[in-house]
């Protein structure tokens, strides 16, 4: 009796892939900050609040590797680095605006729940 060899393919779920790309406590706030025109890590530190510089740099590096950000280093003293959104991250901003609107609906529902 012949047995069929099972082929295990790693299935890729687009939603899971997308969520993994933006998972991390500071990635979405970083996207928002850049979308508002801030480009330098020092601006992110001021705008986000409680983020540690080391963690911020780690998240920025991951986002650059994931293709969400581009980094430009200027050869000046003191050194200056600026980040900008890639076209794919600009598409993400559109989705985040929709998610923001959905969050408003959830807040309204939560408010109605507590008012009943």
C-alpha atoms as a PDB file:
ATOM      1  CA  UNK A   1       0.000   0.000   0.000  1.00  0.00           C
ATOM      2  CA  UNK A   2       1.397   3.372  -1.027  1.00  0.00           C
ATOM      3  CA  UNK A   3       0.988   6.334   1.241  1.00  0.00           C
ATOM      4  CA  UNK A   4       0.770   9.825  -0.051  1.00  0.00           C
ATOM      5  CA  UNK A   5       3.526  12.116   1.079  1.00  0.00           C
ATOM      6  CA  UNK A   6       2.039  15.103   2.821  1.00  0.00           C
ATOM      7  CA  UNK A   7       3.243  18.435   1.648  1.00  0.00           C
ATOM      8  CA  UNK A   8       3.066  21.105   4.280  1.00  0.00           C
ATOM      9  CA  UNK A   9       2.836  24.545   2.784  1.00  0.00           C
ATOM     10  CA  UNK A  10       3.146  27.508   5.039  1.00  0.00           C
ATOM     11  CA  UNK A  11      -0.040  29.406   4.409  1.00  0.00           C
ATOM     12  CA  UNK A  12       0.267  33.152   4.324  1.00  0.00           C
ATOM     13  CA  UNK A  13      -2.706  35.121   5.548  1.00  0.00           C
ATOM     14  CA  UNK A  14      -2.566  38.688   4.191  1.00  0.00           C
ATOM     15  CA  UNK A  15      -4.241  40.087   7.325  1.00  0.00           C
ATOM     16  CA  UNK A  16      -1.765  38.362   9.629  1.00  0.00           C
ATOM     17  CA  UNK A  17       1.111  39.561   7.460  1.00  0.00           C
ATOM     18  CA  UNK A  18      -0.186  43.154   7.628  1.00  0.00           C
ATOM     19  CA  UNK A  19      -0.740  43.065  11.383  1.00  0.00           C
ATOM     20  CA  UNK A  20       2.761  41.679  11.939  1.00  0.00           C
ATOM     21  CA  UNK A  21       4.224  44.539   9.886  1.00  0.00           C
ATOM     22  CA  UNK A  22       2.692  47.148  12.201  1.00  0.00           C
ATOM     23  CA  UNK A  23       2.783  45.235  15.470  1.00  0.00           C
ATOM     24  CA  UNK A  24       4.862  46.868  18.117  1.00  0.00           C
ATOM     25  CA  UNK A  25       3.817  49.400  20.685  1.00  0.00           C
ATOM     26  CA  UNK A  26       5.219  52.425  18.857  1.00  0.00           C
ATOM     27  CA  UNK A  27       4.899  51.663  15.131  1.00  0.00           C
ATOM     28  CA  UNK A  28       1.462  53.193  14.606  1.00  0.00           C
ATOM     29  CA  UNK A  29       2.305  56.330  16.625  1.00  0.00           C
ATOM     30  CA  UNK A  30       5.492  56.669  14.557  1.00  0.00           C
ATOM     31  CA  UNK A  31       3.471  56.432  11.335  1.00  0.00           C
ATOM     32  CA  UNK A  32       1.098  59.131  12.657  1.00  0.00           C
ATOM     33  CA  UNK A  33       3.969  61.409  13.630  1.00  0.00           C
ATOM     34  CA  UNK A  34       5.583  61.137  10.194  1.00  0.00           C
ATOM     35  CA  UNK A  35       2.228  61.652   8.513  1.00  0.00           C
ATOM     36  CA  UNK A  36       1.905  64.904  10.492  1.00  0.00           C
ATOM     37  CA  UNK A  37       5.215  66.094   9.070  1.00  0.00           C
ATOM     38  CA  UNK A  38       7.678  65.096  11.760  1.00  0.00           C
ATOM     39  CA  UNK A  39      10.757  63.416  10.339  1.00  0.00           C
ATOM     40  CA  UNK A  40      13.505  63.296  12.963  1.00  0.00           C
ATOM     41  CA  UNK A  41      13.849  60.839  15.866  1.00  0.00           C
ATOM     42  CA  UNK A  42      14.057  63.707  18.383  1.00  0.00           C
ATOM     43  CA  UNK A  43      10.651  64.923  17.134  1.00  0.00           C
ATOM     44  CA  UNK A  44       9.201  61.425  17.641  1.00  0.00           C
ATOM     45  CA  UNK A  45      10.517  61.362  21.204  1.00  0.00           C
ATOM     46  CA  UNK A  46       8.746  64.650  21.954  1.00  0.00           C
ATOM     47  CA  UNK A  47       5.543  63.727  20.108  1.00  0.00           C
ATOM     48  CA  UNK A  48       5.088  60.183  21.355  1.00  0.00           C
ATOM     49  CA  UNK A  49       6.003  60.622  24.980  1.00  0.00           C
ATOM     50  CA  UNK A  50       7.065  57.619  26.992  1.00  0.00           C
ATOM     51  CA  UNK A  51       9.064  55.839  24.296  1.00  0.00           C
ATOM     52  CA  UNK A  52      12.689  55.039  25.112  1.00  0.00           C
ATOM     53  CA  UNK A  53      15.253  56.212  22.517  1.00  0.00           C
ATOM     54  CA  UNK A  54      16.674  52.688  22.167  1.00  0.00           C
ATOM     55  CA  UNK A  55      13.224  51.193  21.576  1.00  0.00           C
ATOM     56  CA  UNK A  56      12.346  53.990  19.153  1.00  0.00           C
ATOM     57  CA  UNK A  57      15.494  53.335  17.113  1.00  0.00           C
ATOM     58  CA  UNK A  58      14.741  49.613  17.101  1.00  0.00           C
ATOM     59  CA  UNK A  59      11.183  50.205  15.842  1.00  0.00           C
ATOM     60  CA  UNK A  60      12.407  52.670  13.178  1.00  0.00           C
ATOM     61  CA  UNK A  61      14.961  50.139  11.954  1.00  0.00           C
ATOM     62  CA  UNK A  62      12.323  47.385  11.768  1.00  0.00           C
ATOM     63  CA  UNK A  63       9.955  49.664   9.871  1.00  0.00           C
ATOM     64  CA  UNK A  64      12.700  50.568   7.438  1.00  0.00           C
ATOM     65  CA  UNK A  65      13.449  46.867   6.890  1.00  0.00           C
ATOM     66  CA  UNK A  66       9.735  46.180   6.363  1.00  0.00           C
ATOM     67  CA  UNK A  67       9.610  48.830   3.651  1.00  0.00           C
ATOM     68  CA  UNK A  68       7.398  51.270   5.553  1.00  0.00           C
ATOM     69  CA  UNK A  69       9.990  54.013   6.007  1.00  0.00           C
ATOM     70  CA  UNK A  70      12.910  55.447   4.121  1.00  0.00           C
ATOM     71  CA  UNK A  71      15.837  56.888   6.015  1.00  0.00           C
ATOM     72  CA  UNK A  72      18.008  59.744   4.775  1.00  0.00           C
ATOM     73  CA  UNK A  73      21.279  60.474   6.583  1.00  0.00           C
ATOM     74  CA  UNK A  74      22.827  63.897   6.118  1.00  0.00           C
ATOM     75  CA  UNK A  75      26.585  64.255   6.400  1.00  0.00           C
ATOM     76  CA  UNK A  76      26.677  67.270   8.646  1.00  0.00           C
ATOM     77  CA  UNK A  77      27.723  68.013  12.178  1.00  0.00           C
ATOM     78  CA  UNK A  78      25.898  67.188  14.295  1.00  0.00           C
ATOM     79  CA  UNK A  79      24.629  64.198  12.285  1.00  0.00           C
ATOM     80  CA  UNK A  80      21.053  64.464  11.091  1.00  0.00           C
ATOM     81  CA  UNK A  81      18.678  61.665  10.081  1.00  0.00           C
ATOM     82  CA  UNK A  82      15.188  62.041   8.639  1.00  0.00           C
ATOM     83  CA  UNK A  83      12.515  59.442   7.963  1.00  0.00           C
ATOM     84  CA  UNK A  84       9.672  59.518   5.486  1.00  0.00           C
ATOM     85  CA  UNK A  85       6.818  57.223   4.559  1.00  0.00           C
ATOM     86  CA  UNK A  86       7.156  54.933   1.577  1.00  0.00           C
ATOM     87  CA  UNK A  87       4.239  54.711  -0.873  1.00  0.00           C
ATOM     88  CA  UNK A  88       3.094  51.468   0.782  1.00  0.00           C
ATOM     89  CA  UNK A  89       3.064  53.203   4.183  1.00  0.00           C
ATOM     90  CA  UNK A  90       1.022  56.040   2.707  1.00  0.00           C
ATOM     91  CA  UNK A  91      -1.559  53.394   1.795  1.00  0.00           C
ATOM     92  CA  UNK A  92      -1.392  52.219   5.404  1.00  0.00           C
ATOM     93  CA  UNK A  93      -2.238  55.743   6.586  1.00  0.00           C
ATOM     94  CA  UNK A  94      -5.495  55.551   4.617  1.00  0.00           C
ATOM     95  CA  UNK A  95      -6.339  52.294   6.391  1.00  0.00           C
ATOM     96  CA  UNK A  96      -5.447  53.793   9.760  1.00  0.00           C
ATOM     97  CA  UNK A  97      -7.856  56.681   9.141  1.00  0.00           C
ATOM     98  CA  UNK A  98     -10.593  54.109   8.522  1.00  0.00           C
ATOM     99  CA  UNK A  99      -9.584  52.254  11.681  1.00  0.00           C
ATOM    100  CA  UNK A 100      -9.722  55.567  13.551  1.00  0.00           C
ATOM    101  CA  UNK A 101     -13.303  56.083  12.335  1.00  0.00           C
ATOM    102  CA  UNK A 102     -14.182  52.558  13.459  1.00  0.00           C
ATOM    103  CA  UNK A 103     -12.662  53.347  16.856  1.00  0.00           C
ATOM    104  CA  UNK A 104     -15.000  56.323  17.156  1.00  0.00           C
ATOM    105  CA  UNK A 105     -17.951  54.000  16.540  1.00  0.00           C
ATOM    106  CA  UNK A 106     -16.671  51.662  19.252  1.00  0.00           C
ATOM    107  CA  UNK A 107     -16.303  54.561  21.688  1.00  0.00           C
ATOM    108  CA  UNK A 108     -19.866  55.669  20.958  1.00  0.00           C
ATOM    109  CA  UNK A 109     -21.125  52.132  21.542  1.00  0.00           C
ATOM    110  CA  UNK A 110     -19.168  51.917  24.776  1.00  0.00           C
ATOM    111  CA  UNK A 111     -20.649  55.235  25.857  1.00  0.00           C
ATOM    112  CA  UNK A 112     -24.152  54.022  25.052  1.00  0.00           C
ATOM    113  CA  UNK A 113     -23.464  50.818  26.982  1.00  0.00           C
ATOM    114  CA  UNK A 114     -22.540  52.766  30.117  1.00  0.00           C
ATOM    115  CA  UNK A 115     -25.481  55.169  29.740  1.00  0.00           C
ATOM    116  CA  UNK A 116     -28.084  52.392  29.688  1.00  0.00           C
END
